[in-house]
């Protein structure tokens, strides 16, 4: 075989290979196009995720499912689920539903509204204690206590005991900014464990009042308290 024939044979082989690759990529493109046209992405769990668990990256992934099989409450974005807290268990392989994640608008319970390190504590209220029921969930209040110290003088004292305390509920109403129910008998405050101890003692052994704070004022102030001498004495 002369050199010309070899060149022609090599050219034919190259053209055949190119044609084969072209056909392969053509059909592969059709397959990808069909996959995109007939499927859609959805976030699914890669492991069993218990309720009240913060969703981390390795717990979820995005897969393609037949178009129309994605649940209406599911999502195709990992950003919509990572960092959220589950309100119900999610099984491995199951689509992650936004309705099962806290913060999607459903009532998930008060426990999801309380910051770490705090506790929800309810105290009894009436119109006088709760600023004529003008306090609303989401407001901040100061708590004053009036009590009779165990001293020889037995002098009544009134002091601001807690400041800038978040109101998380009034009665059963937890929606921020919602008016207090007319029949509300309790107010629920977010307090630290140490504040909870003091507040329980104050309610059991004295009388408390709430002071509604302006939304723009989060300062802590220092006062000397008040008693019969400071109230009636000269200014």
Protein backbone atom coordinates (compact mmCIF):
# COMPACT_ATOMS: atom_id res chain seq x y z
CA UNK A 1 0.00 0.00 0.00
CA UNK A 2 1.52 3.27 -1.12
CA UNK A 3 1.63 6.40 1.03
CA UNK A 4 -1.38 7.94 -0.72
CA UNK A 5 -3.54 4.94 0.06
CA UNK A 6 -2.38 5.00 3.69
CA UNK A 7 -3.29 8.66 3.97
CA UNK A 8 -6.71 8.02 2.46
CA UNK A 9 -7.28 5.11 4.86
CA UNK A 10 -6.22 7.21 7.84
CA UNK A 11 -8.49 10.04 6.70
CA UNK A 12 -11.38 7.60 6.35
CA UNK A 13 -10.76 6.28 9.85
CA UNK A 14 -10.66 9.82 11.27
CA UNK A 15 -13.86 10.74 9.45
CA UNK A 16 -15.56 7.56 10.66
CA UNK A 17 -14.48 8.27 14.24
CA UNK A 18 -15.68 11.85 13.98
CA UNK A 19 -18.99 10.70 12.56
CA UNK A 20 -19.35 8.16 15.35
CA UNK A 21 -18.61 10.76 17.99
CA UNK A 22 -21.02 13.14 16.33
CA UNK A 23 -23.78 10.55 16.39
CA UNK A 24 -22.98 9.73 20.04
CA UNK A 25 -23.08 13.34 21.17
CA UNK A 26 -26.20 13.96 19.10
CA UNK A 27 -28.12 11.19 20.83
CA UNK A 28 -26.59 12.06 24.21
CA UNK A 29 -27.83 15.61 23.72
CA UNK A 30 -31.27 14.32 22.86
CA UNK A 31 -31.21 12.18 26.01
CA UNK A 32 -30.17 15.13 28.17
CA UNK A 33 -32.81 17.30 26.55
CA UNK A 34 -35.45 14.66 27.18
CA UNK A 35 -34.24 14.31 30.77
CA UNK A 36 -34.56 18.05 31.34
CA UNK A 37 -37.92 18.25 29.59
CA UNK A 38 -39.48 15.32 31.42
CA UNK A 39 -37.91 15.66 34.88
CA UNK A 40 -37.41 18.36 37.49
CA UNK A 41 -35.12 18.90 40.47
CA UNK A 42 -36.15 18.44 44.08
CA UNK A 43 -34.36 18.40 47.44
CA UNK A 44 -34.47 15.04 49.21
CA UNK A 45 -33.06 13.77 52.50
CA UNK A 46 -29.95 11.59 52.31
CA UNK A 47 -30.39 10.32 55.89
CA UNK A 48 -33.22 10.00 58.38
CA UNK A 49 -33.70 13.43 59.95
CA UNK A 50 -35.47 13.47 63.34
CA UNK A 51 -37.89 16.21 64.34
CA UNK A 52 -36.41 19.35 65.94
CA UNK A 53 -33.13 18.89 64.07
CA UNK A 54 -31.19 21.60 62.26
CA UNK A 55 -30.76 20.56 58.62
CA UNK A 56 -27.08 20.41 57.61
CA UNK A 57 -25.58 20.17 54.13
CA UNK A 58 -24.72 16.42 54.16
CA UNK A 59 -28.29 15.58 55.21
CA UNK A 60 -29.83 16.67 51.89
CA UNK A 61 -29.14 16.62 48.17
CA UNK A 62 -30.81 17.59 44.89
CA UNK A 63 -32.09 14.84 42.57
CA UNK A 64 -34.18 14.76 39.41
CA UNK A 65 -37.65 13.21 39.51
CA UNK A 66 -40.33 12.77 36.82
CA UNK A 67 -41.96 16.09 36.07
CA UNK A 68 -45.15 16.51 38.07
CA UNK A 69 -44.04 14.21 40.89
CA UNK A 70 -42.48 16.97 42.99
CA UNK A 71 -44.65 17.79 46.00
CA UNK A 72 -46.18 21.28 46.00
CA UNK A 73 -44.46 21.99 49.34
CA UNK A 74 -41.06 20.72 48.15
CA UNK A 75 -38.23 22.88 46.83
CA UNK A 76 -35.40 22.60 44.32
CA UNK A 77 -33.01 24.83 46.30
CA UNK A 78 -30.74 23.60 49.09
CA UNK A 79 -30.63 27.16 50.39
CA UNK A 80 -34.31 26.91 51.30
CA UNK A 81 -33.72 24.03 53.72
CA UNK A 82 -30.16 24.11 55.07
CA UNK A 83 -30.04 25.75 58.49
CA UNK A 84 -33.78 25.32 59.11
CA UNK A 85 -35.21 23.18 61.93
CA UNK A 86 -37.48 20.22 61.21
CA UNK A 87 -40.88 20.14 62.89
CA UNK A 88 -41.50 16.49 61.95
CA UNK A 89 -39.29 13.49 61.04
CA UNK A 90 -38.07 13.19 57.44
CA UNK A 91 -37.12 9.77 56.05
CA UNK A 92 -34.02 9.21 53.89
CA UNK A 93 -34.95 9.56 50.22
CA UNK A 94 -38.08 11.54 51.04
CA UNK A 95 -38.69 14.95 49.50
CA UNK A 96 -38.03 17.71 52.03
CA UNK A 97 -41.25 19.65 52.48
CA UNK A 98 -41.08 23.29 53.54
CA UNK A 99 -44.19 22.68 55.64
CA UNK A 100 -42.05 20.44 57.86
CA UNK A 101 -39.47 23.14 58.48
CA UNK A 102 -39.80 25.89 61.03
CA UNK A 103 -40.24 29.35 59.61
CA UNK A 104 -42.44 28.47 56.65
CA UNK A 105 -45.49 30.20 58.15
CA UNK A 106 -47.11 27.29 59.95
CA UNK A 107 -47.70 27.14 63.69
CA UNK A 108 -44.65 25.22 64.90
CA UNK A 109 -45.07 25.86 68.60
CA UNK A 110 -43.64 28.34 71.04
CA UNK A 111 -40.49 26.28 71.64
CA UNK A 112 -39.22 27.32 68.19
CA UNK A 113 -39.59 31.01 69.06
CA UNK A 114 -37.33 30.95 72.12
CA UNK A 115 -33.63 31.72 71.71
CA UNK A 116 -31.02 29.32 73.06
CA UNK A 117 -30.30 29.94 76.74
CA UNK A 118 -33.78 31.29 77.46
CA UNK A 119 -36.97 29.84 78.89
CA UNK A 120 -40.62 30.80 78.47
CA UNK A 121 -42.24 31.71 81.79
CA UNK A 122 -45.88 32.70 82.22
CA UNK A 123 -47.06 35.03 84.98
CA UNK A 124 -50.58 36.04 85.92
CA UNK A 125 -51.76 39.41 84.67
CA UNK A 126 -54.72 41.71 84.81
CA UNK A 127 -55.43 45.08 83.24
CA UNK A 128 -53.39 46.92 85.88
CA UNK A 129 -50.35 44.66 85.66
CA UNK A 130 -50.22 44.44 81.85
CA UNK A 131 -50.39 48.15 80.93
CA UNK A 132 -54.13 48.05 80.22
CA UNK A 133 -53.56 45.02 77.94
CA UNK A 134 -51.71 47.25 75.47
CA UNK A 135 -48.66 44.98 75.57
CA UNK A 136 -48.37 42.71 72.53
CA UNK A 137 -46.24 39.68 71.61
CA UNK A 138 -42.90 40.92 70.33
CA UNK A 139 -42.84 43.92 72.69
CA UNK A 140 -40.20 44.37 75.37
CA UNK A 141 -41.04 45.18 78.97
CA UNK A 142 -39.38 45.92 82.28
CA UNK A 143 -40.62 44.08 85.37
CA UNK A 144 -41.02 45.88 88.69
CA UNK A 145 -41.63 44.13 91.99
CA UNK A 146 -43.02 45.53 95.23
CA UNK A 147 -42.33 43.49 98.34
CA UNK A 148 -41.75 43.71 102.07
CA UNK A 149 -38.14 42.83 102.89
CA UNK A 150 -37.34 40.64 105.87
CA UNK A 151 -35.82 43.50 107.88
CA UNK A 152 -36.57 44.89 111.35
CA UNK A 153 -38.15 47.92 109.68
CA UNK A 154 -40.37 45.76 107.46
CA UNK A 155 -40.32 48.52 104.90
CA UNK A 156 -42.05 48.00 101.56
CA UNK A 157 -39.79 48.38 98.54
CA UNK A 158 -40.47 48.79 94.83
CA UNK A 159 -37.64 48.11 92.39
CA UNK A 160 -37.15 47.49 88.69
CA UNK A 161 -36.09 43.86 88.81
CA UNK A 162 -35.75 42.90 85.13
CA UNK A 163 -35.23 45.05 82.05
CA UNK A 164 -35.77 44.64 78.31
CA UNK A 165 -37.61 41.32 78.59
CA UNK A 166 -39.20 39.94 75.41
CA UNK A 167 -42.92 39.17 75.45
CA UNK A 168 -43.47 35.92 73.50
CA UNK A 169 -47.17 35.39 74.19
CA UNK A 170 -50.22 36.91 75.84
CA UNK A 171 -52.72 34.26 76.74
CA UNK A 172 -52.45 31.84 73.81
CA UNK A 173 -51.65 34.58 71.28
CA UNK A 174 -48.07 34.34 69.97
CA UNK A 175 -48.21 36.34 66.72
CA UNK A 176 -45.94 39.36 66.92
CA UNK A 177 -47.95 42.56 67.08
CA UNK A 178 -51.28 40.80 67.62
CA UNK A 179 -53.58 42.47 70.18
CA UNK A 180 -53.93 40.79 73.54
CA UNK A 181 -57.00 38.54 73.78
CA UNK A 182 -59.72 40.10 75.91
CA UNK A 183 -59.75 37.09 78.22
CA UNK A 184 -55.95 36.81 78.60
CA UNK A 185 -54.94 35.90 82.13
CA UNK A 186 -51.23 35.25 81.60
CA UNK A 187 -48.29 36.81 79.84
CA UNK A 188 -45.32 34.70 78.75
CA UNK A 189 -41.84 36.18 78.89
CA UNK A 190 -38.51 34.94 77.52
CA UNK A 191 -36.09 34.91 80.45
CA UNK A 192 -32.84 33.27 81.43
CA UNK A 193 -33.00 30.53 84.09
CA UNK A 194 -31.63 32.97 86.70
CA UNK A 195 -34.23 35.59 85.75
CA UNK A 196 -36.92 32.91 85.93
CA UNK A 197 -36.00 32.11 89.54
CA UNK A 198 -36.20 35.77 90.53
CA UNK A 199 -39.46 36.34 88.70
CA UNK A 200 -41.14 33.29 90.25
CA UNK A 201 -40.06 34.43 93.71
CA UNK A 202 -41.30 37.97 93.04
CA UNK A 203 -44.72 36.77 91.89
CA UNK A 204 -45.07 34.42 94.87
CA UNK A 205 -43.87 36.83 97.57
CA UNK A 206 -44.65 40.28 96.18
CA UNK A 207 -46.59 42.01 93.43
CA UNK A 208 -45.27 42.69 89.95
CA UNK A 209 -46.01 45.28 87.29
CA UNK A 210 -44.93 45.49 83.67
CA UNK A 211 -43.48 48.61 82.08
CA UNK A 212 -43.84 48.77 78.29
CA UNK A 213 -40.61 49.88 76.62
CA UNK A 214 -40.34 51.97 73.44
CA UNK A 215 -39.22 49.91 70.47
CA UNK A 216 -36.15 52.12 70.02
CA UNK A 217 -34.95 51.99 73.64
CA UNK A 218 -32.95 48.97 74.75
CA UNK A 219 -30.83 50.74 77.39
CA UNK A 220 -30.41 49.27 80.86
CA UNK A 221 -30.78 51.88 83.59
CA UNK A 222 -29.85 51.88 87.26
CA UNK A 223 -32.30 53.09 89.90
CA UNK A 224 -32.33 53.09 93.70
CA UNK A 225 -35.83 51.70 94.02
CA UNK A 226 -38.54 53.38 96.06
CA UNK A 227 -39.98 53.07 99.57
CA UNK A 228 -42.07 55.19 101.91
CA UNK A 229 -39.13 57.44 102.78
CA UNK A 230 -38.01 58.12 99.20
CA UNK A 231 -41.57 58.61 97.94
CA UNK A 232 -42.65 61.01 100.70
CA UNK A 233 -39.27 62.61 101.34
CA UNK A 234 -38.04 65.90 99.89
CA UNK A 235 -36.84 65.94 96.32
